[in-house]
Amino acid sequence: MSRTKLNLAMARMVGVAIVATVGLAGCATYKEEFATINSRLDQLDTRVQNAAQSAESANQSARQANQRLDQIESRVQALEAAPRRQPRG
């Protein structure tokens, strides 16, 4: 083989090695980015679940408060409908 062909072959091998190295480095970067994104998604999922639990708890408290108000409302209506009492004295 002539010296030019050897140099060309060597240059191709070096080029392929460089492309492979850059490609693998890019994969590592993407893996890190995906890991970061997945971590953030997990955090958001946890926050959403906590918010949903808090909303459900608030909803139950509101239902209980509405039931108490309904009970008080019937008592208030009964008192308003009752005849007025004459003051003593």
N, C-alpha and C. Protein backbone atom coordinates (compact mmCIF):
# COMPACT_ATOMS: atom_id res chain seq x y z
N MET A 1 0.84 -1.17 0.00
CA MET A 1 0.00 0.00 0.00
C MET A 1 0.88 1.24 0.00
N SER A 2 0.45 2.23 -0.71
CA SER A 2 1.25 3.45 -0.76
C SER A 2 1.05 4.25 0.52
N ARG A 3 1.95 5.13 0.74
CA ARG A 3 1.92 5.94 1.96
C ARG A 3 0.66 6.80 2.00
N THR A 4 0.20 7.30 0.87
CA THR A 4 -0.99 8.13 0.80
C THR A 4 -2.22 7.32 1.20
N LYS A 5 -2.29 6.08 0.72
CA LYS A 5 -3.44 5.24 1.06
C LYS A 5 -3.43 4.90 2.55
N LEU A 6 -2.24 4.66 3.10
CA LEU A 6 -2.14 4.39 4.54
C LEU A 6 -2.58 5.61 5.35
N ASN A 7 -2.13 6.78 4.93
CA ASN A 7 -2.53 8.01 5.63
C ASN A 7 -4.04 8.23 5.53
N LEU A 8 -4.60 7.94 4.35
CA LEU A 8 -6.04 8.09 4.17
C LEU A 8 -6.81 7.10 5.05
N ALA A 9 -6.34 5.87 5.10
CA ALA A 9 -6.98 4.86 5.94
C ALA A 9 -6.88 5.26 7.41
N MET A 10 -5.72 5.75 7.82
CA MET A 10 -5.53 6.18 9.21
C MET A 10 -6.45 7.36 9.52
N ALA A 11 -6.56 8.29 8.57
CA ALA A 11 -7.43 9.45 8.77
C ALA A 11 -8.88 9.01 8.92
N ARG A 12 -9.29 8.03 8.12
CA ARG A 12 -10.66 7.52 8.24
C ARG A 12 -10.90 6.89 9.60
N MET A 13 -9.93 6.10 10.06
CA MET A 13 -10.08 5.45 11.37
C MET A 13 -10.17 6.48 12.49
N VAL A 14 -9.34 7.50 12.41
CA VAL A 14 -9.37 8.56 13.42
C VAL A 14 -10.70 9.30 13.35
N GLY A 15 -11.17 9.56 12.13
CA GLY A 15 -12.47 10.23 11.97
C GLY A 15 -13.60 9.42 12.55
N VAL A 16 -13.60 8.10 12.29
CA VAL A 16 -14.64 7.23 12.84
C VAL A 16 -14.55 7.22 14.36
N ALA A 17 -13.34 7.18 14.90
CA ALA A 17 -13.17 7.18 16.36
C ALA A 17 -13.69 8.47 16.97
N ILE A 18 -13.43 9.58 16.30
CA ILE A 18 -13.90 10.88 16.82
C ILE A 18 -15.42 10.94 16.78
N VAL A 19 -16.01 10.51 15.69
CA VAL A 19 -17.48 10.52 15.58
C VAL A 19 -18.09 9.62 16.63
N ALA A 20 -17.51 8.44 16.83
CA ALA A 20 -18.03 7.51 17.83
C ALA A 20 -17.93 8.10 19.23
N THR A 21 -16.80 8.76 19.53
CA THR A 21 -16.61 9.36 20.85
C THR A 21 -17.61 10.48 21.08
N VAL A 22 -17.78 11.33 20.09
CA VAL A 22 -18.73 12.44 20.21
C VAL A 22 -20.15 11.88 20.34
N GLY A 23 -20.45 10.85 19.58
CA GLY A 23 -21.78 10.24 19.66
C GLY A 23 -22.06 9.66 21.03
N LEU A 24 -21.08 8.97 21.60
CA LEU A 24 -21.26 8.39 22.94
C LEU A 24 -21.36 9.47 24.00
N ALA A 25 -20.57 10.53 23.83
CA ALA A 25 -20.65 11.64 24.79
C ALA A 25 -22.03 12.28 24.72
N GLY A 26 -22.59 12.37 23.52
CA GLY A 26 -23.94 12.92 23.38
C GLY A 26 -24.96 12.05 24.07
N CYS A 27 -24.81 10.75 23.99
CA CYS A 27 -25.73 9.84 24.66
C CYS A 27 -25.68 10.04 26.17
N ALA A 28 -24.47 10.20 26.70
CA ALA A 28 -24.33 10.41 28.14
C ALA A 28 -25.03 11.70 28.54
N THR A 29 -24.90 12.74 27.73
CA THR A 29 -25.56 14.01 28.03
C THR A 29 -27.07 13.83 28.02
N TYR A 30 -27.58 13.11 27.03
CA TYR A 30 -29.01 12.88 26.99
C TYR A 30 -29.48 12.07 28.19
N LYS A 31 -28.69 11.09 28.59
CA LYS A 31 -29.07 10.29 29.77
C LYS A 31 -29.17 11.17 31.00
N GLU A 32 -28.21 12.08 31.15
CA GLU A 32 -28.26 13.00 32.29
C GLU A 32 -29.47 13.91 32.21
N GLU A 33 -29.76 14.41 31.01
CA GLU A 33 -30.92 15.28 30.84
C GLU A 33 -32.22 14.53 31.13
N PHE A 34 -32.32 13.30 30.63
CA PHE A 34 -33.52 12.51 30.90
C PHE A 34 -33.65 12.21 32.39
N ALA A 35 -32.53 11.93 33.05
CA ALA A 35 -32.57 11.67 34.49
C ALA A 35 -33.05 12.91 35.23
N THR A 36 -32.57 14.08 34.82
CA THR A 36 -33.00 15.33 35.45
C THR A 36 -34.48 15.57 35.21
N ILE A 37 -34.91 15.36 33.99
CA ILE A 37 -36.33 15.56 33.66
C ILE A 37 -37.20 14.57 34.43
N ASN A 38 -36.79 13.32 34.49
CA ASN A 38 -37.56 12.32 35.23
C ASN A 38 -37.65 12.66 36.70
N SER A 39 -36.56 13.16 37.26
CA SER A 39 -36.56 13.57 38.67
C SER A 39 -37.55 14.71 38.89
N ARG A 40 -37.54 15.69 37.99
CA ARG A 40 -38.47 16.81 38.13
C ARG A 40 -39.91 16.34 37.97
N LEU A 41 -40.15 15.41 37.04
CA LEU A 41 -41.50 14.87 36.86
C LEU A 41 -41.96 14.13 38.11
N ASP A 42 -41.06 13.38 38.74
CA ASP A 42 -41.40 12.68 39.97
C ASP A 42 -41.78 13.67 41.07
N GLN A 43 -41.01 14.77 41.16
CA GLN A 43 -41.33 15.79 42.16
C GLN A 43 -42.68 16.42 41.90
N LEU A 44 -42.96 16.72 40.63
CA LEU A 44 -44.26 17.30 40.28
C LEU A 44 -45.39 16.33 40.58
N ASP A 45 -45.17 15.06 40.29
CA ASP A 45 -46.19 14.05 40.56
C ASP A 45 -46.49 13.99 42.05
N THR A 46 -45.45 14.05 42.87
CA THR A 46 -45.64 14.04 44.32
C THR A 46 -46.43 15.27 44.77
N ARG A 47 -46.10 16.43 44.20
CA ARG A 47 -46.83 17.66 44.56
C ARG A 47 -48.29 17.57 44.15
N VAL A 48 -48.54 17.02 42.98
CA VAL A 48 -49.92 16.90 42.51
C VAL A 48 -50.70 15.95 43.41
N GLN A 49 -50.08 14.84 43.79
CA GLN A 49 -50.77 13.90 44.68
C GLN A 49 -51.07 14.54 46.03
N ASN A 50 -50.11 15.29 46.56
CA ASN A 50 -50.33 15.99 47.84
C ASN A 50 -51.44 17.02 47.71
N ALA A 51 -51.45 17.74 46.61
CA ALA A 51 -52.50 18.74 46.39
C ALA A 51 -53.86 18.08 46.27
N ALA A 52 -53.91 16.93 45.60
CA ALA A 52 -55.18 16.21 45.46
C ALA A 52 -55.68 15.74 46.83
N GLN A 53 -54.77 15.25 47.66
CA GLN A 53 -55.17 14.82 49.01
C GLN A 53 -55.66 16.00 49.83
N SER A 54 -54.97 17.13 49.71
CA SER A 54 -55.39 18.33 50.45
C SER A 54 -56.76 18.80 49.97
N ALA A 55 -56.98 18.75 48.66
CA ALA A 55 -58.27 19.17 48.11
C ALA A 55 -59.38 18.23 48.59
N GLU A 56 -59.11 16.95 48.63
CA GLU A 56 -60.13 16.00 49.10
C GLU A 56 -60.44 16.24 50.58
N SER A 57 -59.41 16.51 51.36
CA SER A 57 -59.63 16.81 52.79
C SER A 57 -60.45 18.09 52.95
N ALA A 58 -60.13 19.11 52.18
CA ALA A 58 -60.89 20.36 52.25
C ALA A 58 -62.33 20.14 51.80
N ASN A 59 -62.53 19.29 50.80
CA ASN A 59 -63.87 18.99 50.32
C ASN A 59 -64.69 18.30 51.41
N GLN A 60 -64.08 17.36 52.11
CA GLN A 60 -64.79 16.68 53.20
C GLN A 60 -65.13 17.65 54.32
N SER A 61 -64.20 18.54 54.65
CA SER A 61 -64.46 19.54 55.69
C SER A 61 -65.60 20.46 55.27
N ALA A 62 -65.63 20.84 54.01
CA ALA A 62 -66.71 21.70 53.52
C ALA A 62 -68.05 20.98 53.58
N ARG A 63 -68.07 19.72 53.25
CA ARG A 63 -69.32 18.95 53.34
C ARG A 63 -69.83 18.89 54.77
N GLN A 64 -68.91 18.65 55.72
CA GLN A 64 -69.31 18.61 57.13
C GLN A 64 -69.84 19.97 57.58
N ALA A 65 -69.17 21.03 57.15
CA ALA A 65 -69.62 22.37 57.52
C ALA A 65 -71.00 22.66 56.92
N ASN A 66 -71.23 22.23 55.69
CA ASN A 66 -72.55 22.43 55.08
C ASN A 66 -73.63 21.65 55.81
N GLN A 67 -73.32 20.44 56.27
CA GLN A 67 -74.29 19.65 57.04
C GLN A 67 -74.63 20.36 58.34
N ARG A 68 -73.61 20.91 59.01
CA ARG A 68 -73.87 21.64 60.26
C ARG A 68 -74.72 22.89 60.00
N LEU A 69 -74.42 23.57 58.88
CA LEU A 69 -75.22 24.76 58.54
C LEU A 69 -76.66 24.37 58.24
N ASP A 70 -76.86 23.26 57.57
CA ASP A 70 -78.23 22.80 57.30
C ASP A 70 -78.97 22.51 58.60
N GLN A 71 -78.29 21.90 59.56
CA GLN A 71 -78.92 21.62 60.85
C GLN A 71 -79.27 22.92 61.59
N ILE A 72 -78.35 23.86 61.55
CA ILE A 72 -78.60 25.14 62.22
C ILE A 72 -79.72 25.90 61.51
N GLU A 73 -79.76 25.83 60.18
CA GLU A 73 -80.79 26.52 59.42
C GLU A 73 -82.18 26.06 59.84
N SER A 74 -82.35 24.77 60.00
CA SER A 74 -83.68 24.27 60.41
C SER A 74 -84.04 24.77 61.81
N ARG A 75 -83.07 24.87 62.70
CA ARG A 75 -83.34 25.40 64.05
C ARG A 75 -83.71 26.88 63.99
N VAL A 76 -82.98 27.63 63.16
CA VAL A 76 -83.26 29.06 63.03
C VAL A 76 -84.66 29.27 62.46
N GLN A 77 -85.03 28.50 61.45
CA GLN A 77 -86.37 28.63 60.88
C GLN A 77 -87.44 28.29 61.90
N ALA A 78 -87.19 27.28 62.73
CA ALA A 78 -88.16 26.92 63.76
C ALA A 78 -88.31 28.04 64.78
N LEU A 79 -87.21 28.67 65.17
CA LEU A 79 -87.28 29.78 66.13
C LEU A 79 -87.97 31.00 65.53
N GLU A 80 -87.72 31.26 64.25
CA GLU A 80 -88.37 32.40 63.62
C GLU A 80 -89.86 32.17 63.44
N ALA A 81 -90.27 30.93 63.26
CA ALA A 81 -91.69 30.62 63.05
C ALA A 81 -92.45 30.55 64.37
N ALA A 82 -91.76 30.40 65.48
CA ALA A 82 -92.43 30.27 66.78
C ALA A 82 -93.08 31.60 67.16
N PRO A 83 -94.22 31.55 67.85
CA PRO A 83 -94.86 32.79 68.29
C PRO A 83 -93.97 33.55 69.28
N ARG A 84 -94.10 34.87 69.21
CA ARG A 84 -93.29 35.71 70.10
C ARG A 84 -93.81 35.57 71.53
N ARG A 85 -92.86 35.53 72.45
CA ARG A 85 -93.24 35.44 73.84
C ARG A 85 -93.42 36.84 74.43
N GLN A 86 -94.38 36.94 75.30
CA GLN A 86 -94.63 38.22 75.98
C GLN A 86 -93.59 38.42 77.05
N PRO A 87 -93.01 39.62 77.13
CA PRO A 87 -92.03 39.86 78.20
C PRO A 87 -92.74 39.86 79.56
N ARG A 88 -92.06 39.42 80.56
CA ARG A 88 -92.61 39.41 81.91
C ARG A 88 -92.45 40.79 82.52
N GLY A 89 -93.37 41.07 83.36
CA GLY A 89 -93.17 42.27 84.12
C GLY A 89 -94.17 43.28 84.01
